[in-house]
Amino acid sequence: MTDDDTARGPYRVVDDPVEPTAEPIGEIVVDGTAVPLRAGETVGAALLAAGRVGWDDGRAAVFCGIGVCYGCLVTVNGSPNIRACRYVARPGDTVTTARDGGAR
């Protein structure tokens, strides 16, 4: 794996002949770590592309991917209980994956 591959994340599709992968438009900060962000990606998509398939001690993850199960709840910019699979991320968003006692 090259340094360029590592920057993309282990699960990001690259070199797709049908729909080329867009270049990053910025990054979001997830639990203090910068995660690359492509245009139109949800928080969940960016997390999956970065290799984060689960969080909150295994109690949360992108499961259904369409906002039905509420399994992917995160805090975005201080607002709790945001569905990561539905929230289209913006460069500079701050995401916290751990629950802090709030309702799910």
Protein backbone atom coordinates (compact mmCIF):
# COMPACT_ATOMS: atom_id res chain seq x y z
CA MET A 1 0.00 0.00 0.00
CA THR A 2 1.41 3.40 -0.93
CA ASP A 3 1.15 6.60 1.12
CA ASP A 4 -1.49 7.80 -1.35
CA ASP A 5 -3.57 4.65 -0.70
CA THR A 6 -3.32 5.19 3.05
CA ALA A 7 -4.59 8.77 2.73
CA ARG A 8 -7.68 7.54 0.88
CA GLY A 9 -8.58 5.03 3.56
CA PRO A 10 -8.63 1.28 3.29
CA TYR A 11 -12.20 1.02 2.01
CA ARG A 12 -12.43 3.85 -0.52
CA VAL A 13 -13.08 2.86 -4.14
CA VAL A 14 -10.29 4.15 -6.35
CA ASP A 15 -9.76 4.17 -10.10
CA ASP A 16 -13.36 3.24 -10.94
CA PRO A 17 -13.64 3.31 -14.77
CA VAL A 18 -17.36 4.15 -14.66
CA GLU A 19 -17.41 6.87 -12.01
CA PRO A 20 -14.01 8.30 -11.10
CA THR A 21 -13.40 8.99 -7.43
CA ALA A 22 -13.59 12.67 -6.62
CA GLU A 23 -10.70 14.38 -4.94
CA PRO A 24 -11.15 15.32 -1.28
CA ILE A 25 -12.89 18.65 -0.66
CA GLY A 26 -11.61 18.84 2.89
CA GLU A 27 -11.86 16.83 6.04
CA ILE A 28 -14.03 16.26 9.07
CA VAL A 29 -12.66 15.64 12.54
CA VAL A 30 -13.87 12.40 14.10
CA ASP A 31 -12.97 11.84 17.74
CA GLY A 32 -9.99 14.16 17.26
CA THR A 33 -8.71 12.51 14.07
CA ALA A 34 -8.91 14.10 10.62
CA VAL A 35 -10.91 12.04 8.09
CA PRO A 36 -10.84 12.92 4.35
CA LEU A 37 -14.16 14.02 2.89
CA ARG A 38 -15.42 13.85 -0.70
CA ALA A 39 -18.26 15.98 -2.05
CA GLY A 40 -21.68 14.59 -1.13
CA GLU A 41 -20.43 12.03 1.38
CA THR A 42 -22.33 11.39 4.55
CA VAL A 43 -20.52 11.13 7.86
CA GLY A 44 -21.17 7.38 7.68
CA ALA A 45 -19.63 7.07 4.21
CA ALA A 46 -16.54 9.00 5.28
CA LEU A 47 -16.20 6.81 8.39
CA LEU A 48 -16.54 3.59 6.39
CA ALA A 49 -14.06 4.80 3.77
CA ALA A 50 -11.59 5.56 6.57
CA GLY A 51 -11.98 2.05 7.96
CA ARG A 52 -14.20 2.94 10.94
CA VAL A 53 -16.80 0.18 10.68
CA GLY A 54 -17.99 0.44 14.28
CA TRP A 55 -17.67 2.69 17.30
CA ASP A 56 -18.96 3.25 20.83
CA ASP A 57 -17.41 -0.02 22.06
CA GLY A 58 -19.10 -1.95 19.27
CA ARG A 59 -22.61 -0.75 20.12
CA ALA A 60 -22.89 1.53 17.08
CA ALA A 61 -22.15 1.29 13.36
CA VAL A 62 -23.61 2.01 9.95
CA PHE A 63 -26.00 -0.92 9.70
CA CYS A 64 -28.94 -0.20 7.38
CA GLY A 65 -27.41 2.85 5.68
CA ILE A 66 -30.81 4.49 5.04
CA GLY A 67 -31.72 5.98 8.43
CA VAL A 68 -34.21 3.35 9.57
CA CYS A 69 -32.33 1.55 12.34
CA TYR A 70 -30.67 4.50 14.15
CA GLY A 71 -27.63 2.31 14.75
CA CYS A 72 -25.19 4.97 13.56
CA LEU A 73 -26.03 7.85 15.89
CA VAL A 74 -23.21 10.35 16.44
CA THR A 75 -22.82 13.91 17.70
CA VAL A 76 -22.08 16.46 14.97
CA ASN A 77 -20.94 19.96 15.89
CA GLY A 78 -22.40 19.51 19.38
CA SER A 79 -25.81 18.26 18.21
CA PRO A 80 -26.43 14.72 19.56
CA ASN A 81 -28.30 11.83 17.96
CA ILE A 82 -27.47 12.59 14.33
CA ARG A 83 -27.73 9.63 11.94
CA ALA A 84 -24.29 9.31 10.37
CA CYS A 85 -25.72 7.52 7.35
CA ARG A 86 -28.03 10.45 6.49
CA TYR A 87 -26.07 13.56 7.47
CA VAL A 88 -24.15 14.98 4.50
CA ALA A 89 -20.88 16.11 6.01
CA ARG A 90 -19.30 19.49 5.41
CA PRO A 91 -15.60 20.28 5.64
CA GLY A 92 -14.74 21.22 9.20
CA ASP A 93 -17.56 19.28 10.87
CA THR A 94 -16.61 17.86 14.26
CA VAL A 95 -17.99 14.39 14.96
CA THR A 96 -18.00 12.49 18.23
CA THR A 97 -18.91 8.83 18.06
CA ALA A 98 -19.13 7.95 21.76
CA ARG A 99 -22.44 8.31 23.52
CA ASP A 100 -22.40 10.70 26.44
CA GLY A 101 -25.43 9.38 28.25
CA GLY A 102 -27.99 10.90 25.90
CA ALA A 103 -30.99 9.07 24.53
CA ARG A 104 -30.45 6.98 21.43
